[in-house]
N, C-alpha and C. Protein backbone atom coordinates (compact mmCIF):
# COMPACT_ATOMS: atom_id res chain seq x y z
N UNK A 1 -47.79 27.61 59.98
CA UNK A 1 -48.76 27.25 58.91
C UNK A 1 -48.07 26.58 57.74
N UNK A 2 -46.96 26.31 57.80
CA UNK A 2 -45.90 25.34 56.91
C UNK A 2 -46.29 23.98 57.03
N UNK A 3 -46.57 24.11 58.50
CA UNK A 3 -46.86 22.46 58.90
C UNK A 3 -48.35 22.21 58.23
N UNK A 4 -48.99 22.55 58.39
CA UNK A 4 -50.44 22.87 58.23
C UNK A 4 -50.38 22.52 56.34
N UNK A 5 -49.61 23.39 55.65
CA UNK A 5 -49.43 23.16 54.11
C UNK A 5 -48.87 21.83 53.86
N UNK A 6 -47.95 21.37 54.85
CA UNK A 6 -47.02 20.13 54.36
C UNK A 6 -47.95 18.97 54.53
N UNK A 7 -48.76 18.78 55.75
CA UNK A 7 -49.64 17.99 55.88
C UNK A 7 -50.78 17.63 54.96
N UNK A 8 -51.39 18.98 54.44
CA UNK A 8 -52.45 18.73 53.47
C UNK A 8 -51.98 18.29 52.14
N UNK A 9 -50.76 18.50 51.77
CA UNK A 9 -50.24 18.39 50.51
C UNK A 9 -49.52 17.09 50.66
N UNK A 10 -48.87 16.16 51.60
CA UNK A 10 -48.57 14.83 52.15
C UNK A 10 -50.00 14.14 51.91
N UNK A 11 -51.23 14.69 51.98
CA UNK A 11 -52.27 13.87 52.26
C UNK A 11 -52.79 14.27 51.09
N UNK A 12 -52.78 15.11 50.13
CA UNK A 12 -53.28 15.10 48.53
C UNK A 12 -52.68 14.00 47.93
N UNK A 13 -51.12 14.05 48.14
CA UNK A 13 -50.53 13.17 47.22
C UNK A 13 -50.50 11.81 47.33
N UNK A 14 -51.11 11.49 48.76
CA UNK A 14 -51.56 10.02 49.18
C UNK A 14 -53.02 9.66 48.82
N UNK A 15 -53.31 10.87 48.28
CA UNK A 15 -55.01 10.37 47.79
C UNK A 15 -55.52 9.66 49.25
N UNK A 16 -55.61 10.74 50.07
CA UNK A 16 -56.33 10.64 51.20
C UNK A 16 -57.22 11.99 51.75
N UNK A 17 -58.51 11.89 52.50
CA UNK A 17 -59.19 13.08 52.87
C UNK A 17 -57.93 13.85 53.85
N UNK A 18 -58.21 15.17 53.44
CA UNK A 18 -57.55 16.20 53.97
C UNK A 18 -58.39 17.64 54.78
N UNK A 19 -59.30 16.91 54.56
CA UNK A 19 -60.77 18.00 54.85
C UNK A 19 -60.68 18.60 56.19
N UNK A 20 -60.13 18.24 57.19
CA UNK A 20 -59.68 18.54 58.37
C UNK A 20 -58.74 19.33 58.78
N UNK A 21 -57.67 18.83 58.21
CA UNK A 21 -56.51 19.68 58.01
C UNK A 21 -56.47 21.16 56.89
N UNK A 22 -57.37 20.92 55.99
CA UNK A 22 -57.37 22.17 54.96
C UNK A 22 -58.29 23.18 55.42
N UNK A 23 -59.39 22.59 56.77
CA UNK A 23 -60.34 23.48 57.17
C UNK A 23 -59.19 24.09 58.49
N UNK A 24 -58.47 23.58 58.95
CA UNK A 24 -57.65 24.44 60.06
C UNK A 24 -56.65 25.27 59.49
N UNK A 25 -56.12 24.84 58.18
CA UNK A 25 -55.05 25.86 57.46
C UNK A 25 -56.05 27.03 57.29
N UNK A 26 -57.24 27.12 56.85
CA UNK A 26 -57.91 28.14 56.60
C UNK A 26 -58.24 29.01 57.95
N UNK A 27 -58.51 28.39 58.91
CA UNK A 27 -58.77 29.06 60.01
C UNK A 27 -57.92 29.64 60.23
N UNK A 28 -56.76 29.07 60.18
CA UNK A 28 -55.56 29.70 60.86
C UNK A 28 -55.29 31.27 59.78
N UNK A 29 -55.33 31.04 58.93
CA UNK A 29 -55.43 32.05 57.54
C UNK A 29 -56.09 32.89 57.91
N UNK A 30 -57.46 32.92 58.44
CA UNK A 30 -58.18 33.57 58.42
C UNK A 30 -57.99 34.50 59.98
N UNK A 31 -57.37 33.72 60.89
CA UNK A 31 -57.05 34.55 62.49
C UNK A 31 -55.64 35.41 62.05
N UNK A 32 -54.98 35.12 61.16
CA UNK A 32 -54.09 35.63 60.73
C UNK A 32 -54.23 37.14 60.17
N UNK A 33 -55.15 36.80 59.24
CA UNK A 33 -56.04 37.91 58.67
C UNK A 33 -56.69 39.24 59.45
N UNK A 34 -57.19 38.39 60.48
CA UNK A 34 -57.75 39.42 61.52
C UNK A 34 -56.90 40.10 62.59
N UNK A 35 -55.41 39.62 62.63
CA UNK A 35 -54.67 39.99 63.50
C UNK A 35 -54.01 41.40 62.50
N UNK A 36 -53.54 41.04 61.28
CA UNK A 36 -53.12 41.95 60.49
C UNK A 36 -53.79 43.38 60.21
N UNK A 37 -55.00 43.25 60.15
CA UNK A 37 -56.19 44.01 60.54
C UNK A 37 -56.43 44.71 61.47
N UNK A 38 -56.42 44.05 62.48
CA UNK A 38 -55.93 44.51 63.76
C UNK A 38 -54.85 45.87 64.39
N UNK A 39 -53.76 45.20 63.69
CA UNK A 39 -52.56 46.00 63.22
C UNK A 39 -52.52 47.17 62.91
N UNK A 40 -53.00 46.85 61.38
CA UNK A 40 -53.16 48.38 61.09
C UNK A 40 -54.05 49.12 61.57
N UNK A 41 -54.97 48.89 61.79
CA UNK A 41 -56.19 49.77 62.56
C UNK A 41 -55.62 50.47 63.96
N UNK A 42 -54.41 49.82 64.58
CA UNK A 42 -54.05 50.46 65.55
C UNK A 42 -52.58 51.37 65.14
N UNK A 43 -52.52 51.24 63.59
CA UNK A 43 -51.65 52.35 63.28
C UNK A 43 -50.19 51.52 62.62
N UNK A 44 -50.30 50.56 63.11
CA UNK A 44 -49.25 49.76 62.08
C UNK A 44 -49.10 50.06 60.53
N UNK A 45 -47.91 50.01 60.33
CA UNK A 45 -47.22 50.51 58.82
C UNK A 45 -47.72 49.95 57.52
N UNK A 46 -48.00 50.07 56.56
CA UNK A 46 -48.67 49.24 55.29
C UNK A 46 -47.43 47.85 55.46
N UNK A 47 -46.40 47.86 55.33
CA UNK A 47 -45.41 46.63 55.14
C UNK A 47 -45.31 46.19 56.26
N UNK A 48 -45.73 44.99 56.62
CA UNK A 48 -44.94 44.16 57.63
C UNK A 48 -43.65 43.76 57.78
N UNK A 49 -42.88 44.01 58.46
CA UNK A 49 -41.54 43.56 58.76
C UNK A 49 -41.54 41.86 58.65
N UNK A 50 -40.33 41.83 57.73
CA UNK A 50 -39.79 40.49 57.79
C UNK A 50 -38.38 40.16 58.09
N UNK A 51 -37.81 38.95 58.11
CA UNK A 51 -36.94 38.56 58.63
C UNK A 51 -35.95 39.17 58.55
N UNK A 52 -35.32 39.53 56.89
CA UNK A 52 -34.41 39.81 56.04
C UNK A 52 -34.20 41.58 56.48
N UNK A 53 -35.55 42.00 56.71
CA UNK A 53 -35.28 43.66 57.16
C UNK A 53 -35.02 44.01 58.57
N UNK A 54 -35.64 42.59 59.47
CA UNK A 54 -35.15 42.77 60.81
C UNK A 54 -33.43 42.84 61.15
N UNK A 55 -33.14 41.80 59.95
CA UNK A 55 -31.43 41.53 60.43
C UNK A 55 -30.81 42.49 59.76
N UNK A 56 -31.22 43.07 58.63
CA UNK A 56 -30.71 44.45 58.32
C UNK A 56 -30.29 45.77 59.35
N UNK A 57 -31.90 45.80 60.20
CA UNK A 57 -31.57 46.56 61.14
C UNK A 57 -30.94 46.22 62.19
N UNK A 58 -30.48 45.16 62.52
CA UNK A 58 -29.41 44.72 63.72
C UNK A 58 -28.31 44.89 63.01
N UNK A 59 -27.40 45.24 61.76
CA UNK A 59 -26.00 45.09 61.66
C UNK A 59 -25.97 46.76 61.61
C-alpha cells in the first residue's frame, strides 16, 4: 500500500492526474478492511499483531 501512496503523492506533487492510482489505493484499503472484518468474525483478537510485537515474542 505504501507504493500506491508514494505514486499518488508523486503525481499530486507533479500536478498530474492521479485518479486511477487513488482509486486503486482506495480499493486496496477496502479489501484490507474486508479481510480484517472476516478475521475478527472468525475469532481474531481485537488488536492485530504488528512486527514489533512479533519480534518480542521471538526473543
